[in-house]
């Protein structure tokens, strides 16, 4: 009787461990889903890093001089200097 109990217990343990591999918390489908999420987050972080670098560059330009401020005022607000003639060419 005891000679059949030990293999039965080992077989049950093997089934439990194998089930954890396929449907448990650390299962292969779960790990692949987490890997996809991680890849998506890394891509989003890279995009955000690019935007942050562009903004940091713009802030440095603004701190360095008034050239960028003047350019933005001219382009976005349509401002002109005194005694300057503003000419706008409309695209066809």
N, C-alpha and C. Protein backbone atom coordinates (compact mmCIF):
# COMPACT_ATOMS: atom_id res chain seq x y z
N UNK A 1 0.83 -1.19 0.00
CA UNK A 1 0.00 0.00 0.00
C UNK A 1 0.87 1.25 0.00
N UNK A 2 1.91 1.27 0.83
CA UNK A 2 2.76 2.45 0.89
C UNK A 2 3.58 2.61 -0.39
N UNK A 3 3.80 1.53 -1.09
CA UNK A 3 4.58 1.63 -2.32
C UNK A 3 3.77 2.32 -3.41
N UNK A 4 2.46 2.38 -3.32
CA UNK A 4 1.62 3.07 -4.30
C UNK A 4 1.30 4.50 -3.88
N UNK A 5 1.43 4.81 -2.62
CA UNK A 5 1.11 6.15 -2.12
C UNK A 5 2.18 7.15 -2.55
N UNK A 6 3.42 6.80 -2.45
CA UNK A 6 4.50 7.72 -2.78
C UNK A 6 4.45 8.12 -4.26
N UNK A 7 4.32 7.18 -5.20
CA UNK A 7 4.21 7.61 -6.60
C UNK A 7 2.95 8.44 -6.87
N UNK A 8 1.87 8.13 -6.17
CA UNK A 8 0.63 8.90 -6.35
C UNK A 8 0.84 10.34 -5.88
N UNK A 9 1.49 10.52 -4.75
CA UNK A 9 1.77 11.86 -4.23
C UNK A 9 2.69 12.62 -5.18
N UNK A 10 3.72 11.93 -5.67
CA UNK A 10 4.63 12.56 -6.61
C UNK A 10 3.93 12.94 -7.91
N UNK A 11 3.02 12.08 -8.35
CA UNK A 11 2.26 12.37 -9.56
C UNK A 11 1.35 13.58 -9.36
N UNK A 12 0.71 13.66 -8.20
CA UNK A 12 -0.15 14.82 -7.90
C UNK A 12 0.69 16.10 -7.84
N UNK A 13 1.84 16.04 -7.21
CA UNK A 13 2.72 17.21 -7.16
C UNK A 13 3.18 17.63 -8.55
N UNK A 14 3.48 16.67 -9.40
CA UNK A 14 3.88 16.97 -10.77
C UNK A 14 2.75 17.65 -11.53
N UNK A 15 1.54 17.17 -11.34
CA UNK A 15 0.38 17.79 -12.00
C UNK A 15 0.17 19.21 -11.50
N UNK A 16 0.29 19.43 -10.22
CA UNK A 16 0.11 20.78 -9.65
C UNK A 16 1.17 21.74 -10.18
N UNK A 17 2.42 21.29 -10.20
CA UNK A 17 3.50 22.15 -10.71
C UNK A 17 3.31 22.43 -12.20
N UNK A 18 2.91 21.42 -12.93
CA UNK A 18 2.69 21.60 -14.37
C UNK A 18 1.51 22.55 -14.62
N UNK A 19 0.46 22.46 -13.81
CA UNK A 19 -0.69 23.35 -13.95
C UNK A 19 -0.29 24.80 -13.67
N UNK A 20 0.58 25.00 -12.71
CA UNK A 20 1.06 26.36 -12.42
C UNK A 20 1.82 26.94 -13.61
N UNK A 21 2.52 26.08 -14.32
CA UNK A 21 3.27 26.53 -15.49
C UNK A 21 2.35 27.03 -16.59
N UNK A 22 1.19 26.43 -16.73
CA UNK A 22 0.32 26.79 -17.85
C UNK A 22 -0.80 27.75 -17.48
N UNK A 23 -1.29 27.75 -16.25
CA UNK A 23 -2.43 28.62 -15.90
C UNK A 23 -2.20 29.46 -14.66
N UNK A 24 -1.09 29.36 -14.02
CA UNK A 24 -0.87 30.07 -12.77
C UNK A 24 -0.35 31.49 -12.98
N UNK A 25 0.08 32.08 -11.89
CA UNK A 25 0.54 33.47 -11.91
C UNK A 25 1.79 33.66 -12.77
N UNK A 26 2.67 32.71 -12.79
CA UNK A 26 3.89 32.81 -13.58
C UNK A 26 3.80 31.99 -14.85
N UNK A 27 2.60 31.83 -15.38
CA UNK A 27 2.41 30.98 -16.55
C UNK A 27 3.00 31.63 -17.79
N UNK A 28 3.22 30.82 -18.79
CA UNK A 28 3.80 31.32 -20.04
C UNK A 28 2.93 32.38 -20.71
N UNK A 29 1.60 32.20 -20.82
CA UNK A 29 0.79 33.27 -21.42
C UNK A 29 0.82 34.57 -20.61
N UNK A 30 0.83 34.44 -19.30
CA UNK A 30 0.88 35.61 -18.43
C UNK A 30 2.20 36.35 -18.61
N UNK A 31 3.29 35.61 -18.68
CA UNK A 31 4.61 36.23 -18.85
C UNK A 31 4.69 36.93 -20.20
N UNK A 32 4.16 36.31 -21.26
CA UNK A 32 4.22 36.95 -22.58
C UNK A 32 3.35 38.20 -22.62
N UNK A 33 2.21 38.20 -21.94
CA UNK A 33 1.37 39.40 -21.88
C UNK A 33 2.08 40.52 -21.14
N UNK A 34 2.74 40.18 -20.05
CA UNK A 34 3.50 41.19 -19.31
C UNK A 34 4.67 41.72 -20.13
N UNK A 35 5.29 40.86 -20.93
CA UNK A 35 6.39 41.30 -21.79
C UNK A 35 5.89 42.28 -22.85
N UNK A 36 4.71 42.01 -23.42
CA UNK A 36 4.13 42.95 -24.40
C UNK A 36 3.83 44.30 -23.75
N UNK A 37 3.27 44.28 -22.55
CA UNK A 37 3.00 45.52 -21.83
C UNK A 37 4.29 46.28 -21.56
N UNK A 38 5.33 45.56 -21.17
CA UNK A 38 6.62 46.19 -20.90
C UNK A 38 7.20 46.82 -22.17
N UNK A 39 7.10 46.14 -23.30
CA UNK A 39 7.58 46.69 -24.56
C UNK A 39 6.81 47.95 -24.94
N UNK A 40 5.49 47.94 -24.75
CA UNK A 40 4.68 49.12 -25.05
C UNK A 40 5.07 50.28 -24.14
N UNK A 41 5.29 50.01 -22.87
CA UNK A 41 5.66 51.06 -21.94
C UNK A 41 7.03 51.63 -22.27
N UNK A 42 7.96 50.77 -22.68
CA UNK A 42 9.29 51.26 -23.07
C UNK A 42 9.20 52.16 -24.29
N UNK A 43 8.34 51.80 -25.25
CA UNK A 43 8.16 52.64 -26.43
C UNK A 43 7.55 53.98 -26.05
N UNK A 44 6.57 53.97 -25.15
CA UNK A 44 5.96 55.21 -24.69
C UNK A 44 6.98 56.07 -23.94
N UNK A 45 7.82 55.43 -23.15
CA UNK A 45 8.86 56.17 -22.42
C UNK A 45 9.86 56.80 -23.37
N UNK A 46 10.22 56.08 -24.43
CA UNK A 46 11.16 56.63 -25.41
C UNK A 46 10.55 57.85 -26.10
N UNK A 47 9.27 57.77 -26.44
CA UNK A 47 8.58 58.90 -27.08
C UNK A 47 8.52 60.09 -26.11
N UNK A 48 8.20 59.83 -24.87
CA UNK A 48 8.13 60.91 -23.88
C UNK A 48 9.51 61.51 -23.65
N UNK A 49 10.54 60.68 -23.69
CA UNK A 49 11.91 61.19 -23.52
C UNK A 49 12.26 62.15 -24.66
N UNK A 50 11.87 61.81 -25.89
CA UNK A 50 12.12 62.70 -27.02
C UNK A 50 11.42 64.05 -26.84
N UNK A 51 10.17 64.00 -26.43
CA UNK A 51 9.41 65.24 -26.21
C UNK A 51 10.07 66.07 -25.11
N UNK A 52 10.49 65.40 -24.04
CA UNK A 52 11.15 66.12 -22.95
C UNK A 52 12.45 66.77 -23.39
N UNK A 53 13.21 66.07 -24.23
CA UNK A 53 14.46 66.64 -24.73
C UNK A 53 14.20 67.86 -25.61
N UNK A 54 13.16 67.79 -26.45
CA UNK A 54 12.82 68.94 -27.29
C UNK A 54 12.39 70.12 -26.44
N UNK A 55 11.59 69.86 -25.42
CA UNK A 55 11.16 70.94 -24.54
C UNK A 55 12.33 71.52 -23.75
N UNK A 56 13.23 70.67 -23.31
CA UNK A 56 14.40 71.16 -22.57
C UNK A 56 15.26 72.02 -23.49
N UNK A 57 15.41 71.62 -24.73
CA UNK A 57 16.18 72.41 -25.68
C UNK A 57 15.52 73.78 -25.90
N UNK A 58 14.22 73.78 -26.01
CA UNK A 58 13.49 75.04 -26.20
C UNK A 58 13.62 75.94 -24.98
N UNK A 59 13.56 75.36 -23.80
CA UNK A 59 13.73 76.15 -22.57
C UNK A 59 15.13 76.74 -22.52
N UNK A 60 16.14 75.95 -22.88
CA UNK A 60 17.51 76.47 -22.90
C UNK A 60 17.65 77.62 -23.89
N UNK A 61 17.01 77.50 -25.05
CA UNK A 61 17.04 78.59 -26.03
C UNK A 61 16.37 79.85 -25.49
N UNK A 62 15.26 79.65 -24.80
CA UNK A 62 14.56 80.81 -24.23
C UNK A 62 15.40 81.49 -23.15
N UNK A 63 16.11 80.71 -22.38
CA UNK A 63 16.95 81.28 -21.33
C UNK A 63 18.18 81.97 -21.91
N UNK A 64 18.67 81.45 -23.03
CA UNK A 64 19.92 81.96 -23.60
C UNK A 64 19.74 83.33 -24.24
N UNK A 65 18.61 83.58 -24.85
CA UNK A 65 18.48 84.86 -25.52
C UNK A 65 17.04 85.13 -25.92
N UNK A 66 16.86 86.29 -26.51
CA UNK A 66 15.52 86.70 -26.90
C UNK A 66 15.22 86.37 -28.36
N UNK A 67 16.15 85.76 -29.06
CA UNK A 67 15.95 85.43 -30.47
C UNK A 67 14.76 84.52 -30.68
N UNK A 68 14.63 83.48 -29.87
CA UNK A 68 13.52 82.55 -30.00
C UNK A 68 12.21 83.21 -29.59
N UNK A 69 12.26 84.07 -28.58
CA UNK A 69 11.06 84.77 -28.15
C UNK A 69 10.56 85.67 -29.28
N UNK A 70 11.49 86.37 -29.92
CA UNK A 70 11.11 87.23 -31.04
C UNK A 70 10.56 86.41 -32.20
N UNK A 71 11.18 85.30 -32.50
CA UNK A 71 10.71 84.44 -33.59
C UNK A 71 9.31 83.92 -33.32
N UNK A 72 9.06 83.49 -32.09
CA UNK A 72 7.72 83.00 -31.74
C UNK A 72 6.69 84.12 -31.80
N UNK A 73 7.06 85.30 -31.34
CA UNK A 73 6.13 86.42 -31.38
C UNK A 73 5.78 86.76 -32.82
N UNK A 74 6.75 86.70 -33.70
CA UNK A 74 6.50 87.00 -35.11
C UNK A 74 5.65 85.91 -35.77
N UNK A 75 5.98 84.65 -35.53
CA UNK A 75 5.30 83.55 -36.23
C UNK A 75 3.91 83.27 -35.66
N UNK A 76 3.79 83.20 -34.36
CA UNK A 76 2.53 82.79 -33.75
C UNK A 76 1.58 83.95 -33.52
N UNK A 77 2.12 85.11 -33.19
CA UNK A 77 1.26 86.24 -32.86
C UNK A 77 1.20 87.30 -33.95
N UNK A 78 2.06 87.17 -34.96
CA UNK A 78 2.05 88.13 -36.06
C UNK A 78 2.56 89.51 -35.65
N UNK A 79 3.43 89.57 -34.67
CA UNK A 79 3.93 90.86 -34.20
C UNK A 79 5.04 91.36 -35.13
N UNK A 80 5.17 92.67 -35.22
CA UNK A 80 6.21 93.30 -36.04
C UNK A 80 6.91 94.36 -35.21
N UNK A 81 8.10 94.70 -35.64
CA UNK A 81 8.86 95.75 -34.96
C UNK A 81 8.34 97.11 -35.42
N UNK A 82 8.61 98.15 -34.65
CA UNK A 82 8.21 99.50 -35.10
C UNK A 82 8.93 99.84 -36.41
N UNK A 83 8.23 100.57 -37.28
CA UNK A 83 8.74 101.00 -38.59
C UNK A 83 9.09 99.80 -39.48
N UNK A 84 8.40 98.70 -39.31
CA UNK A 84 8.64 97.52 -40.13
C UNK A 84 7.36 97.21 -40.89
N UNK A 85 7.48 96.80 -42.13
CA UNK A 85 6.31 96.50 -42.95
C UNK A 85 6.11 94.99 -42.94
N UNK A 86 4.90 94.59 -42.63
CA UNK A 86 4.57 93.16 -42.57
C UNK A 86 3.98 92.73 -43.90
N UNK A 87 4.58 91.72 -44.52
CA UNK A 87 4.09 91.19 -45.79
C UNK A 87 3.83 89.71 -45.60
N UNK A 88 2.62 89.30 -45.95
CA UNK A 88 2.25 87.90 -45.80
C UNK A 88 1.89 87.35 -47.17
N UNK A 89 2.51 86.23 -47.53
CA UNK A 89 2.24 85.61 -48.82
C UNK A 89 1.36 84.40 -48.57
N UNK A 90 0.20 84.40 -49.21
CA UNK A 90 -0.74 83.29 -49.02
C UNK A 90 -0.36 82.13 -49.93
N UNK A 91 -0.40 80.92 -49.43
CA UNK A 91 -0.09 79.76 -50.28
C UNK A 91 -1.21 79.52 -51.29
N UNK A 92 -0.86 78.96 -52.43
CA UNK A 92 -1.89 78.72 -53.48
C UNK A 92 -2.64 77.47 -53.22
